[in-house]
Amino acid sequence: MTTKQRAKLRSMANTMEAILHIGKEGISDNLCKQAWDALEARELIKVTLQKGAPMDAREACEQLCARVHAEPVQCIGNRFVIYRQARENSKIKLEEL
């Protein structure tokens, strides 16, 4: 992913609400399933780390990206944004950005 593509994805994520929340259980199989499904539907998702989470946002971003085969876009404070192109009906084309 180029810096120009990452910048465009960051601007797209700027107005989004967080749809996943990582709590005290950390990154569980259920959370990974939810992230996988959300990435298939939306391709770009924002995740929030709640108080009491067993890791910081950067660690959580790395772990979640590894488990759902996504790419990190941005990590600020207790929130991060990840991207993965959908297998079918892709709405965001990185090649065109």
PDB file of N, CA and C in Angstrom:
ATOM      1  N   MET A   1       0.846  -1.179   0.000  1.00  0.00           N
ATOM      2  CA  MET A   1       0.000   0.000   0.000  1.00  0.00           C
ATOM      3  C   MET A   1       0.891   1.242   0.000  1.00  0.00           C
ATOM      4  N   THR A   2       0.634   2.153  -0.916  1.00  0.00           N
ATOM      5  CA  THR A   2       1.444   3.368  -1.003  1.00  0.00           C
ATOM      6  C   THR A   2       0.954   4.401   0.008  1.00  0.00           C
ATOM      7  N   THR A   3       1.752   5.421   0.234  1.00  0.00           N
ATOM      8  CA  THR A   3       1.361   6.462   1.182  1.00  0.00           C
ATOM      9  C   THR A   3       0.150   7.242   0.679  1.00  0.00           C
ATOM     10  N   LYS A   4       0.044   7.407  -0.620  1.00  0.00           N
ATOM     11  CA  LYS A   4      -1.116   8.100  -1.196  1.00  0.00           C
ATOM     12  C   LYS A   4      -2.396   7.294  -0.968  1.00  0.00           C
ATOM     13  N   GLN A   5      -2.316   5.979  -1.156  1.00  0.00           N
ATOM     14  CA  GLN A   5      -3.467   5.110  -0.919  1.00  0.00           C
ATOM     15  C   GLN A   5      -3.851   5.127   0.560  1.00  0.00           C
ATOM     16  N   ARG A   6      -2.843   5.063   1.438  1.00  0.00           N
ATOM     17  CA  ARG A   6      -3.089   5.086   2.880  1.00  0.00           C
ATOM     18  C   ARG A   6      -3.741   6.410   3.289  1.00  0.00           C
ATOM     19  N   ALA A   7      -3.285   7.510   2.710  1.00  0.00           N
ATOM     20  CA  ALA A   7      -3.860   8.819   3.026  1.00  0.00           C
ATOM     21  C   ALA A   7      -5.327   8.884   2.604  1.00  0.00           C
ATOM     22  N   LYS A   8      -5.653   8.336   1.456  1.00  0.00           N
ATOM     23  CA  LYS A   8      -7.043   8.326   0.989  1.00  0.00           C
ATOM     24  C   LYS A   8      -7.918   7.477   1.915  1.00  0.00           C
ATOM     25  N   LEU A   9      -7.404   6.316   2.323  1.00  0.00           N
ATOM     26  CA  LEU A   9      -8.164   5.462   3.244  1.00  0.00           C
ATOM     27  C   LEU A   9      -8.353   6.152   4.592  1.00  0.00           C
ATOM     28  N   ARG A  10      -7.324   6.862   5.064  1.00  0.00           N
ATOM     29  CA  ARG A  10      -7.441   7.603   6.325  1.00  0.00           C
ATOM     30  C   ARG A  10      -8.525   8.664   6.227  1.00  0.00           C
ATOM     31  N   SER A  11      -8.579   9.370   5.101  1.00  0.00           N
ATOM     32  CA  SER A  11      -9.601  10.400   4.942  1.00  0.00           C
ATOM     33  C   SER A  11     -10.992   9.784   4.884  1.00  0.00           C
ATOM     34  N   MET A  12     -11.114   8.608   4.281  1.00  0.00           N
ATOM     35  CA  MET A  12     -12.407   7.915   4.235  1.00  0.00           C
ATOM     36  C   MET A  12     -12.839   7.469   5.638  1.00  0.00           C
ATOM     37  N   ALA A  13     -11.882   7.075   6.459  1.00  0.00           N
ATOM     38  CA  ALA A  13     -12.182   6.567   7.801  1.00  0.00           C
ATOM     39  C   ALA A  13     -12.431   7.689   8.806  1.00  0.00           C
ATOM     40  N   ASN A  14     -12.083   8.900   8.430  1.00  0.00           N
ATOM     41  CA  ASN A  14     -12.182  10.027   9.352  1.00  0.00           C
ATOM     42  C   ASN A  14     -13.589  10.230   9.896  1.00  0.00           C
ATOM     43  N   THR A  15     -14.598  10.048   9.083  1.00  0.00           N
ATOM     44  CA  THR A  15     -15.979  10.289   9.506  1.00  0.00           C
ATOM     45  C   THR A  15     -16.683   9.021   9.996  1.00  0.00           C
ATOM     46  N   MET A  16     -15.998   7.901   9.950  1.00  0.00           N
ATOM     47  CA  MET A  16     -16.614   6.630  10.355  1.00  0.00           C
ATOM     48  C   MET A  16     -16.698   6.503  11.871  1.00  0.00           C
ATOM     49  N   GLU A  17     -17.703   5.776  12.320  1.00  0.00           N
ATOM     50  CA  GLU A  17     -17.807   5.396  13.723  1.00  0.00           C
ATOM     51  C   GLU A  17     -17.116   4.049  13.914  1.00  0.00           C
ATOM     52  N   ALA A  18     -16.603   3.816  15.110  1.00  0.00           N
ATOM     53  CA  ALA A  18     -15.990   2.519  15.415  1.00  0.00           C
ATOM     54  C   ALA A  18     -17.084   1.464  15.485  1.00  0.00           C
ATOM     55  N   ILE A  19     -16.852   0.326  14.813  1.00  0.00           N
ATOM     56  CA  ILE A  19     -17.870  -0.728  14.816  1.00  0.00           C
ATOM     57  C   ILE A  19     -17.436  -1.947  15.622  1.00  0.00           C
ATOM     58  N   LEU A  20     -16.157  -2.015  15.986  1.00  0.00           N
ATOM     59  CA  LEU A  20     -15.667  -3.098  16.848  1.00  0.00           C
ATOM     60  C   LEU A  20     -15.037  -2.488  18.089  1.00  0.00           C
ATOM     61  N   HIS A  21     -15.214  -3.169  19.217  1.00  0.00           N
ATOM     62  CA  HIS A  21     -14.657  -2.701  20.479  1.00  0.00           C
ATOM     63  C   HIS A  21     -13.920  -3.862  21.139  1.00  0.00           C
ATOM     64  N   ILE A  22     -12.667  -3.650  21.468  1.00  0.00           N
ATOM     65  CA  ILE A  22     -11.865  -4.680  22.124  1.00  0.00           C
ATOM     66  C   ILE A  22     -11.884  -4.393  23.619  1.00  0.00           C
ATOM     67  N   GLY A  23     -12.367  -5.349  24.389  1.00  0.00           N
ATOM     68  CA  GLY A  23     -12.500  -5.182  25.834  1.00  0.00           C
ATOM     69  C   GLY A  23     -11.490  -5.997  26.611  1.00  0.00           C
ATOM     70  N   LYS A  24     -11.867  -6.381  27.819  1.00  0.00           N
ATOM     71  CA  LYS A  24     -10.940  -7.066  28.716  1.00  0.00           C
ATOM     72  C   LYS A  24     -10.569  -8.468  28.246  1.00  0.00           C
ATOM     73  N   GLU A  25     -11.378  -9.084  27.369  1.00  0.00           N
ATOM     74  CA  GLU A  25     -11.037 -10.412  26.854  1.00  0.00           C
ATOM     75  C   GLU A  25      -9.967 -10.355  25.774  1.00  0.00           C
ATOM     76  N   GLY A  26      -9.721  -9.168  25.234  1.00  0.00           N
ATOM     77  CA  GLY A  26      -8.711  -9.031  24.182  1.00  0.00           C
ATOM     78  C   GLY A  26      -9.266  -9.488  22.842  1.00  0.00           C
ATOM     79  N   ILE A  27      -8.381 -10.022  22.013  1.00  0.00           N
ATOM     80  CA  ILE A  27      -8.772 -10.445  20.669  1.00  0.00           C
ATOM     81  C   ILE A  27      -9.144 -11.925  20.702  1.00  0.00           C
ATOM     82  N   SER A  28     -10.441 -12.180  20.779  1.00  0.00           N
ATOM     83  CA  SER A  28     -10.935 -13.554  20.860  1.00  0.00           C
ATOM     84  C   SER A  28     -11.310 -14.040  19.458  1.00  0.00           C
ATOM     85  N   ASP A  29     -11.650 -15.320  19.362  1.00  0.00           N
ATOM     86  CA  ASP A  29     -12.086 -15.890  18.083  1.00  0.00           C
ATOM     87  C   ASP A  29     -13.370 -15.223  17.602  1.00  0.00           C
ATOM     88  N   ASN A  30     -14.263 -14.915  18.545  1.00  0.00           N
ATOM     89  CA  ASN A  30     -15.522 -14.260  18.197  1.00  0.00           C
ATOM     90  C   ASN A  30     -15.272 -12.867  17.620  1.00  0.00           C
ATOM     91  N   LEU A  31     -14.361 -12.124  18.220  1.00  0.00           N
ATOM     92  CA  LEU A  31     -14.024 -10.792  17.716  1.00  0.00           C
ATOM     93  C   LEU A  31     -13.409 -10.886  16.323  1.00  0.00           C
ATOM     94  N   CYS A  32     -12.561 -11.872  16.096  1.00  0.00           N
ATOM     95  CA  CYS A  32     -11.955 -12.068  14.773  1.00  0.00           C
ATOM     96  C   CYS A  32     -13.018 -12.384  13.732  1.00  0.00           C
ATOM     97  N   LYS A  33     -14.007 -13.196  14.101  1.00  0.00           N
ATOM     98  CA  LYS A  33     -15.100 -13.514  13.182  1.00  0.00           C
ATOM     99  C   LYS A  33     -15.888 -12.256  12.832  1.00  0.00           C
ATOM    100  N   GLN A  34     -16.173 -11.430  13.842  1.00  0.00           N
ATOM    101  CA  GLN A  34     -16.892 -10.181  13.599  1.00  0.00           C
ATOM    102  C   GLN A  34     -16.078  -9.255  12.703  1.00  0.00           C
ATOM    103  N   ALA A  35     -14.770  -9.168  12.952  1.00  0.00           N
ATOM    104  CA  ALA A  35     -13.899  -8.315  12.139  1.00  0.00           C
ATOM    105  C   ALA A  35     -13.861  -8.826  10.704  1.00  0.00           C
ATOM    106  N   TRP A  36     -13.759 -10.146  10.529  1.00  0.00           N
ATOM    107  CA  TRP A  36     -13.719 -10.749   9.191  1.00  0.00           C
ATOM    108  C   TRP A  36     -14.991 -10.391   8.419  1.00  0.00           C
ATOM    109  N   ASP A  37     -16.143 -10.581   9.069  1.00  0.00           N
ATOM    110  CA  ASP A  37     -17.422 -10.290   8.423  1.00  0.00           C
ATOM    111  C   ASP A  37     -17.554  -8.803   8.101  1.00  0.00           C
ATOM    112  N   ALA A  38     -17.128  -7.947   9.010  1.00  0.00           N
ATOM    113  CA  ALA A  38     -17.206  -6.505   8.787  1.00  0.00           C
ATOM    114  C   ALA A  38     -16.294  -6.082   7.641  1.00  0.00           C
ATOM    115  N   LEU A  39     -15.114  -6.679   7.557  1.00  0.00           N
ATOM    116  CA  LEU A  39     -14.191  -6.351   6.466  1.00  0.00           C
ATOM    117  C   LEU A  39     -14.747  -6.823   5.122  1.00  0.00           C
ATOM    118  N   GLU A  40     -15.416  -7.961   5.103  1.00  0.00           N
ATOM    119  CA  GLU A  40     -16.030  -8.434   3.861  1.00  0.00           C
ATOM    120  C   GLU A  40     -17.138  -7.486   3.409  1.00  0.00           C
ATOM    121  N   ALA A  41     -17.880  -6.948   4.359  1.00  0.00           N
ATOM    122  CA  ALA A  41     -18.998  -6.067   4.023  1.00  0.00           C
ATOM    123  C   ALA A  41     -18.549  -4.638   3.726  1.00  0.00           C
ATOM    124  N   ARG A  42     -17.583  -4.123   4.504  1.00  0.00           N
ATOM    125  CA  ARG A  42     -17.227  -2.710   4.410  1.00  0.00           C
ATOM    126  C   ARG A  42     -15.833  -2.431   3.861  1.00  0.00           C
ATOM    127  N   GLU A  43     -14.912  -3.359   4.038  1.00  0.00           N
ATOM    128  CA  GLU A  43     -13.513  -3.272   3.607  1.00  0.00           C
ATOM    129  C   GLU A  43     -12.655  -2.360   4.482  1.00  0.00           C
ATOM    130  N   LEU A  44     -13.237  -1.357   5.094  1.00  0.00           N
ATOM    131  CA  LEU A  44     -12.507  -0.411   5.930  1.00  0.00           C
ATOM    132  C   LEU A  44     -13.263  -0.273   7.238  1.00  0.00           C
ATOM    133  N   ILE A  45     -12.619  -0.625   8.361  1.00  0.00           N
ATOM    134  CA  ILE A  45     -13.315  -0.548   9.645  1.00  0.00           C
ATOM    135  C   ILE A  45     -12.456   0.156  10.679  1.00  0.00           C
ATOM    136  N   LYS A  46     -13.146   0.770  11.643  1.00  0.00           N
ATOM    137  CA  LYS A  46     -12.488   1.441  12.752  1.00  0.00           C
ATOM    138  C   LYS A  46     -12.749   0.625  14.009  1.00  0.00           C
ATOM    139  N   VAL A  47     -11.706   0.431  14.813  1.00  0.00           N
ATOM    140  CA  VAL A  47     -11.789  -0.389  16.017  1.00  0.00           C
ATOM    141  C   VAL A  47     -11.350   0.449  17.210  1.00  0.00           C
ATOM    142  N   THR A  48     -12.030   0.292  18.335  1.00  0.00           N
ATOM    143  CA  THR A  48     -11.705   1.024  19.556  1.00  0.00           C
ATOM    144  C   THR A  48     -11.252   0.050  20.640  1.00  0.00           C
ATOM    145  N   LEU A  49     -10.256   0.460  21.390  1.00  0.00           N
ATOM    146  CA  LEU A  49      -9.807  -0.297  22.553  1.00  0.00           C
ATOM    147  C   LEU A  49     -10.455   0.315  23.785  1.00  0.00           C
ATOM    148  N   GLN A  50     -11.163  -0.486  24.562  1.00  0.00           N
ATOM    149  CA  GLN A  50     -11.819   0.025  25.758  1.00  0.00           C
ATOM    150  C   GLN A  50     -10.875  -0.042  26.945  1.00  0.00           C
ATOM    151  N   LYS A  51     -11.246   0.660  28.002  1.00  0.00           N
ATOM    152  CA  LYS A  51     -10.431   0.616  29.227  1.00  0.00           C
ATOM    153  C   LYS A  51     -10.447  -0.810  29.765  1.00  0.00           C
ATOM    154  N   GLY A  52      -9.321  -1.266  30.250  1.00  0.00           N
ATOM    155  CA  GLY A  52      -9.226  -2.616  30.779  1.00  0.00           C
ATOM    156  C   GLY A  52      -8.769  -3.635  29.754  1.00  0.00           C
ATOM    157  N   ALA A  53      -8.532  -3.211  28.532  1.00  0.00           N
ATOM    158  CA  ALA A  53      -8.038  -4.141  27.508  1.00  0.00           C
ATOM    159  C   ALA A  53      -6.617  -4.553  27.866  1.00  0.00           C
ATOM    160  N   PRO A  54      -6.248  -5.810  27.614  1.00  0.00           N
ATOM    161  CA  PRO A  54      -4.945  -6.323  28.040  1.00  0.00           C
ATOM    162  C   PRO A  54      -3.758  -5.870  27.180  1.00  0.00           C
ATOM    163  N   MET A  55      -3.969  -4.983  26.218  1.00  0.00           N
ATOM    164  CA  MET A  55      -2.886  -4.563  25.322  1.00  0.00           C
ATOM    165  C   MET A  55      -3.130  -3.124  24.895  1.00  0.00           C
ATOM    166  N   ASP A  56      -2.140  -2.522  24.257  1.00  0.00           N
ATOM    167  CA  ASP A  56      -2.359  -1.172  23.732  1.00  0.00           C
ATOM    168  C   ASP A  56      -2.856  -1.270  22.282  1.00  0.00           C
ATOM    169  N   ALA A  57      -3.215  -0.131  21.716  1.00  0.00           N
ATOM    170  CA  ALA A  57      -3.849  -0.116  20.396  1.00  0.00           C
ATOM    171  C   ALA A  57      -2.923  -0.640  19.302  1.00  0.00           C
ATOM    172  N   ARG A  58      -1.643  -0.320  19.373  1.00  0.00           N
ATOM    173  CA  ARG A  58      -0.704  -0.756  18.331  1.00  0.00           C
ATOM    174  C   ARG A  58      -0.565  -2.277  18.332  1.00  0.00           C
ATOM    175  N   GLU A  59      -0.431  -2.863  19.511  1.00  0.00           N
ATOM    176  CA  GLU A  59      -0.358  -4.336  19.612  1.00  0.00           C
ATOM    177  C   GLU A  59      -1.641  -4.984  19.104  1.00  0.00           C
ATOM    178  N   ALA A  60      -2.783  -4.431  19.516  1.00  0.00           N
ATOM    179  CA  ALA A  60      -4.073  -4.979  19.099  1.00  0.00           C
ATOM    180  C   ALA A  60      -4.227  -4.890  17.584  1.00  0.00           C
ATOM    181  N   CYS A  61      -3.787  -3.785  17.008  1.00  0.00           N
ATOM    182  CA  CYS A  61      -3.873  -3.611  15.555  1.00  0.00           C
ATOM    183  C   CYS A  61      -3.039  -4.668  14.840  1.00  0.00           C
ATOM    184  N   GLU A  62      -1.821  -4.880  15.303  1.00  0.00           N
ATOM    185  CA  GLU A  62      -0.942  -5.888  14.687  1.00  0.00           C
ATOM    186  C   GLU A  62      -1.543  -7.277  14.787  1.00  0.00           C
ATOM    187  N   GLN A  63      -2.031  -7.633  15.981  1.00  0.00           N
ATOM    188  CA  GLN A  63      -2.591  -8.969  16.182  1.00  0.00           C
ATOM    189  C   GLN A  63      -3.841  -9.195  15.349  1.00  0.00           C
ATOM    190  N   LEU A  64      -4.746  -8.203  15.349  1.00  0.00           N
ATOM    191  CA  LEU A  64      -5.989  -8.358  14.593  1.00  0.00           C
ATOM    192  C   LEU A  64      -5.708  -8.418  13.096  1.00  0.00           C
ATOM    193  N   CYS A  65      -4.809  -7.583  12.618  1.00  0.00           N
ATOM    194  CA  CYS A  65      -4.462  -7.602  11.193  1.00  0.00           C
ATOM    195  C   CYS A  65      -3.886  -8.959  10.791  1.00  0.00           C
ATOM    196  N   ALA A  66      -3.047  -9.524  11.638  1.00  0.00           N
ATOM    197  CA  ALA A  66      -2.458 -10.826  11.337  1.00  0.00           C
ATOM    198  C   ALA A  66      -3.523 -11.920  11.283  1.00  0.00           C
ATOM    199  N   ARG A  67      -4.502 -11.852  12.182  1.00  0.00           N
ATOM    200  CA  ARG A  67      -5.515 -12.911  12.250  1.00  0.00           C
ATOM    201  C   ARG A  67      -6.571 -12.816  11.160  1.00  0.00           C
ATOM    202  N   VAL A  68      -6.854 -11.604  10.646  1.00  0.00           N
ATOM    203  CA  VAL A  68      -7.894 -11.459   9.620  1.00  0.00           C
ATOM    204  C   VAL A  68      -7.310 -11.082   8.259  1.00  0.00           C
ATOM    205  N   HIS A  69      -5.983 -11.129   8.142  1.00  0.00           N
ATOM    206  CA  HIS A  69      -5.272 -10.853   6.884  1.00  0.00           C
ATOM    207  C   HIS A  69      -5.601  -9.459   6.334  1.00  0.00           C
ATOM    208  N   ALA A  70      -5.539  -8.467   7.214  1.00  0.00           N
ATOM    209  CA  ALA A  70      -5.836  -7.084   6.835  1.00  0.00           C
ATOM    210  C   ALA A  70      -4.556  -6.249   6.919  1.00  0.00           C
ATOM    211  N   GLU A  71      -4.659  -5.003   6.461  1.00  0.00           N
ATOM    212  CA  GLU A  71      -3.532  -4.082   6.524  1.00  0.00           C
ATOM    213  C   GLU A  71      -3.873  -2.934   7.450  1.00  0.00           C
ATOM    214  N   PRO A  72      -2.939  -2.543   8.322  1.00  0.00           N
ATOM    215  CA  PRO A  72      -3.195  -1.385   9.183  1.00  0.00           C
ATOM    216  C   PRO A  72      -3.167  -0.102   8.349  1.00  0.00           C
ATOM    217  N   VAL A  73      -4.073   0.798   8.648  1.00  0.00           N
ATOM    218  CA  VAL A  73      -4.134   2.072   7.944  1.00  0.00           C
ATOM    219  C   VAL A  73      -3.672   3.189   8.868  1.00  0.00           C
ATOM    220  N   GLN A  74      -4.192   3.204  10.101  1.00  0.00           N
ATOM    221  CA  GLN A  74      -3.915   4.293  11.023  1.00  0.00           C
ATOM    222  C   GLN A  74      -4.109   3.803  12.451  1.00  0.00           C
ATOM    223  N   CYS A  75      -3.299   4.311  13.369  1.00  0.00           N
ATOM    224  CA  CYS A  75      -3.440   3.986  14.781  1.00  0.00           C
ATOM    225  C   CYS A  75      -3.194   5.265  15.581  1.00  0.00           C
ATOM    226  N   ILE A  76      -4.247   5.771  16.213  1.00  0.00           N
ATOM    227  CA  ILE A  76      -4.132   6.997  17.011  1.00  0.00           C
ATOM    228  C   ILE A  76      -4.836   6.757  18.342  1.00  0.00           C
ATOM    229  N   GLY A  77      -4.115   6.976  19.424  1.00  0.00           N
ATOM    230  CA  GLY A  77      -4.699   6.823  20.761  1.00  0.00           C
ATOM    231  C   GLY A  77      -5.188   5.415  21.002  1.00  0.00           C
ATOM    232  N   ASN A  78      -6.477   5.277  21.312  1.00  0.00           N
ATOM    233  CA  ASN A  78      -7.041   3.950  21.576  1.00  0.00           C
ATOM    234  C   ASN A  78      -7.894   3.462  20.409  1.00  0.00           C
ATOM    235  N   ARG A  79      -7.703   4.052  19.215  1.00  0.00           N
ATOM    236  CA  ARG A  79      -8.451   3.635  18.026  1.00  0.00           C
ATOM    237  C   ARG A  79      -7.490   3.319  16.891  1.00  0.00           C
ATOM    238  N   PHE A  80      -7.938   2.414  16.032  1.00  0.00           N
ATOM    239  CA  PHE A  80      -7.159   2.129  14.829  1.00  0.00           C
ATOM    240  C   PHE A  80      -8.091   1.738  13.695  1.00  0.00           C
ATOM    241  N   VAL A  81      -7.569   1.881  12.483  1.00  0.00           N
ATOM    242  CA  VAL A  81      -8.329   1.602  11.273  1.00  0.00           C
ATOM    243  C   VAL A  81      -7.588   0.527  10.495  1.00  0.00           C
ATOM    244  N   ILE A  82      -8.336  -0.468   9.993  1.00  0.00           N
ATOM    245  CA  ILE A  82      -7.728  -1.526   9.181  1.00  0.00           C
ATOM    246  C   ILE A  82      -8.501  -1.685   7.881  1.00  0.00           C
ATOM    247  N   TYR A  83      -7.813  -2.216   6.869  1.00  0.00           N
ATOM    248  CA  TYR A  83      -8.396  -2.371   5.537  1.00  0.00           C
ATOM    249  C   TYR A  83      -8.074  -3.750   4.983  1.00  0.00           C
ATOM    250  N   ARG A  84      -9.047  -4.335   4.327  1.00  0.00           N
ATOM    251  CA  ARG A  84      -8.828  -5.540   3.533  1.00  0.00           C
ATOM    252  C   ARG A  84      -9.829  -5.524   2.392  1.00  0.00           C
ATOM    253  N   GLN A  85      -9.349  -5.763   1.196  1.00  0.00           N
ATOM    254  CA  GLN A  85     -10.235  -5.777   0.029  1.00  0.00           C
ATOM    255  C   GLN A  85     -11.158  -6.978   0.118  1.00  0.00           C
ATOM    256  N   ALA A  86     -12.436  -6.755  -0.183  1.00  0.00           N
ATOM    257  CA  ALA A  86     -13.427  -7.833  -0.158  1.00  0.00           C
ATOM    258  C   ALA A  86     -13.151  -8.819  -1.279  1.00  0.00           C
ATOM    259  N   ARG A  87     -13.478 -10.077  -1.039  1.00  0.00           N
ATOM    260  CA  ARG A  87     -13.248 -11.103  -2.056  1.00  0.00           C
ATOM    261  C   ARG A  87     -14.221 -10.951  -3.217  1.00  0.00           C
ATOM    262  N   GLU A  88     -15.452 -10.521  -2.917  1.00  0.00           N
ATOM    263  CA  GLU A  88     -16.466 -10.306  -3.950  1.00  0.00           C
ATOM    264  C   GLU A  88     -17.038  -8.903  -3.789  1.00  0.00           C
ATOM    265  N   ASN A  89     -17.403  -8.289  -4.891  1.00  0.00           N
ATOM    266  CA  ASN A  89     -18.053  -6.971  -4.897  1.00  0.00           C
ATOM    267  C   ASN A  89     -17.248  -5.913  -4.138  1.00  0.00           C
ATOM    268  N   SER A  90     -15.992  -5.771  -4.486  1.00  0.00           N
ATOM    269  CA  SER A  90     -15.134  -4.794  -3.837  1.00  0.00           C
ATOM    270  C   SER A  90     -15.575  -3.379  -4.197  1.00  0.00           C
ATOM    271  N   LYS A  91     -15.753  -2.541  -3.174  1.00  0.00           N
ATOM    272  CA  LYS A  91     -16.194  -1.165  -3.380  1.00  0.00           C
ATOM    273  C   LYS A  91     -15.003  -0.208  -3.449  1.00  0.00           C
ATOM    274  N   ILE A  92     -13.958  -0.505  -2.701  1.00  0.00           N
ATOM    275  CA  ILE A  92     -12.782   0.367  -2.648  1.00  0.00           C
ATOM    276  C   ILE A  92     -11.675  -0.276  -3.489  1.00  0.00           C
ATOM    277  N   LYS A  93     -11.294   0.383  -4.551  1.00  0.00           N
ATOM    278  CA  LYS A  93     -10.243  -0.124  -5.433  1.00  0.00           C
ATOM    279  C   LYS A  93      -8.951   0.654  -5.143  1.00  0.00           C
ATOM    280  N   LEU A  94      -7.976  -0.015  -4.532  1.00  0.00           N
ATOM    281  CA  LEU A  94      -6.715   0.649  -4.204  1.00  0.00           C
ATOM    282  C   LEU A  94      -5.961   1.088  -5.452  1.00  0.00           C
ATOM    283  N   GLU A  95      -6.108   0.349  -6.532  1.00  0.00           N
ATOM    284  CA  GLU A  95      -5.394   0.681  -7.765  1.00  0.00           C
ATOM    285  C   GLU A  95      -5.827   2.036  -8.304  1.00  0.00           C
ATOM    286  N   GLU A  96      -7.086   2.417  -8.039  1.00  0.00           N
ATOM    287  CA  GLU A  96      -7.626   3.669  -8.573  1.00  0.00           C
ATOM    288  C   GLU A  96      -7.355   4.864  -7.663  1.00  0.00           C
ATOM    289  N   LEU A  97      -6.911   4.607  -6.443  1.00  0.00           N
ATOM    290  CA  LEU A  97      -6.669   5.706  -5.502  1.00  0.00           C
ATOM    291  C   LEU A  97      -5.382   6.430  -5.823  1.00  0.00           C
TER     292      LEU A  97
END
